[in-house]
Amino acid sequence: MPHLLLSKILDGAHGVKKDGSSWHVPEDLDATLYVALGQEVLQVARVSRVDGGAEVVALHTHKGERFYFPPDQIVGLKLGGEGSKGSRNAAGFR
């Protein structure tokens, strides 16, 4: 996924805030990025911040993890619905 395409998607996502070359994702908006590692695809879930750059993209998670990848290895982005965690009751039913 080219860097410009990633920034265009994040700029248009509801709730995502841009700060310079970083995007801050709120915790209630479930964000997962997919990264190609040869024949495997790594899922980086619960992304809280994406720092874009020409040579490296830094992914920060809500669990405090940091991942660094070249922009051309990011192949997908999944954005969950807002309030998806709060729409269910404690037993998991709607």
Protein backbone atom coordinates (compact mmCIF):
# COMPACT_ATOMS: atom_id res chain seq x y z
CA MET A 1 0.00 0.00 0.00
CA PRO A 2 1.73 3.19 -1.10
CA HIS A 3 2.31 5.80 1.59
CA LEU A 4 0.01 8.32 -0.14
CA LEU A 5 -2.85 5.81 -0.23
CA LEU A 6 -2.42 5.02 3.47
CA SER A 7 -2.46 8.72 4.36
CA LYS A 8 -5.53 9.31 2.19
CA ILE A 9 -7.43 6.51 3.96
CA LEU A 10 -6.42 7.71 7.43
CA ASP A 11 -7.22 11.34 6.60
CA GLY A 12 -10.75 10.33 5.61
CA ALA A 13 -11.40 8.02 8.57
CA HIS A 14 -13.90 9.33 11.10
CA GLY A 15 -12.31 9.92 14.52
CA VAL A 16 -8.68 9.73 13.34
CA LYS A 17 -6.75 12.92 14.09
CA LYS A 18 -3.71 14.05 12.11
CA ASP A 19 -0.75 15.66 13.88
CA GLY A 20 2.07 16.47 11.47
CA SER A 21 3.05 13.16 9.85
CA SER A 22 1.24 11.12 12.54
CA TRP A 23 -2.32 9.88 12.81
CA HIS A 24 -3.87 9.20 16.21
CA VAL A 25 -6.53 6.47 16.27
CA PRO A 26 -9.00 6.50 19.18
CA GLU A 27 -9.30 3.27 21.15
CA ASP A 28 -12.97 2.77 20.27
CA LEU A 29 -12.11 2.69 16.54
CA ASP A 30 -10.55 -0.74 16.05
CA ALA A 31 -7.63 -0.39 13.60
CA THR A 32 -5.58 -3.31 12.24
CA LEU A 33 -2.78 -2.98 9.70
CA TYR A 34 -1.64 -5.88 7.54
CA VAL A 35 2.07 -6.16 6.76
CA ALA A 36 3.58 -8.47 4.12
CA LEU A 37 6.58 -10.45 5.33
CA GLY A 38 7.48 -12.63 2.36
CA GLN A 39 4.80 -15.33 2.08
CA GLU A 40 3.28 -14.41 5.47
CA VAL A 41 1.04 -11.51 6.45
CA LEU A 42 1.42 -10.03 9.92
CA GLN A 43 -1.61 -8.40 11.55
CA VAL A 44 -0.85 -5.48 13.85
CA ALA A 45 -4.04 -5.02 15.88
CA ARG A 46 -5.26 -2.21 18.14
CA VAL A 47 -3.15 0.45 16.41
CA SER A 48 -3.22 3.73 18.32
CA ARG A 49 -0.84 5.82 16.21
CA VAL A 50 0.69 5.64 12.74
CA ASP A 51 3.83 7.68 12.07
CA GLY A 52 4.35 7.98 8.33
CA GLY A 53 7.68 8.54 6.66
CA ALA A 54 9.29 8.05 3.28
CA GLU A 55 11.51 5.19 4.46
CA VAL A 56 9.76 3.77 7.53
CA VAL A 57 6.26 3.63 8.99
CA ALA A 58 6.02 3.30 12.78
CA LEU A 59 2.95 1.61 14.22
CA HIS A 60 2.12 2.12 17.90
CA THR A 61 -0.51 -0.03 19.61
CA HIS A 62 -2.80 0.62 22.57
CA LYS A 63 -0.84 -2.13 24.38
CA GLY A 64 2.37 -0.04 24.20
CA GLU A 65 4.04 -2.01 21.40
CA ARG A 66 5.94 -0.38 18.52
CA PHE A 67 6.49 -1.84 15.06
CA TYR A 68 8.61 -0.37 12.24
CA PHE A 69 8.17 -1.36 8.59
CA PRO A 70 9.02 -0.01 5.14
CA PRO A 71 5.90 1.63 3.65
CA ASP A 72 5.80 -0.78 0.70
CA GLN A 73 5.30 -3.76 3.07
CA ILE A 74 1.98 -2.40 4.42
CA VAL A 75 -0.64 -4.12 2.28
CA GLY A 76 -3.92 -3.42 4.05
CA LEU A 77 -5.80 -1.53 6.71
CA LYS A 78 -8.96 -2.54 8.58
CA LEU A 79 -10.94 0.07 10.48
CA GLY A 80 -13.68 -1.24 12.76
CA GLY A 81 -16.87 0.55 13.59
CA GLU A 82 -17.08 3.27 16.18
CA GLY A 83 -18.54 2.19 19.47
CA SER A 84 -18.38 -1.47 18.46
CA LYS A 85 -17.20 -2.39 21.96
CA GLY A 86 -19.99 -0.47 23.66
CA SER A 87 -22.81 -1.83 21.49
CA ARG A 88 -22.84 -5.21 23.22
CA ASN A 89 -23.91 -6.03 26.72
CA ALA A 90 -21.72 -7.85 29.22
CA ALA A 91 -22.74 -11.31 27.94
CA GLY A 92 -21.74 -10.45 24.38
CA PHE A 93 -25.29 -10.35 22.95
CA ARG A 94 -26.79 -7.45 21.02
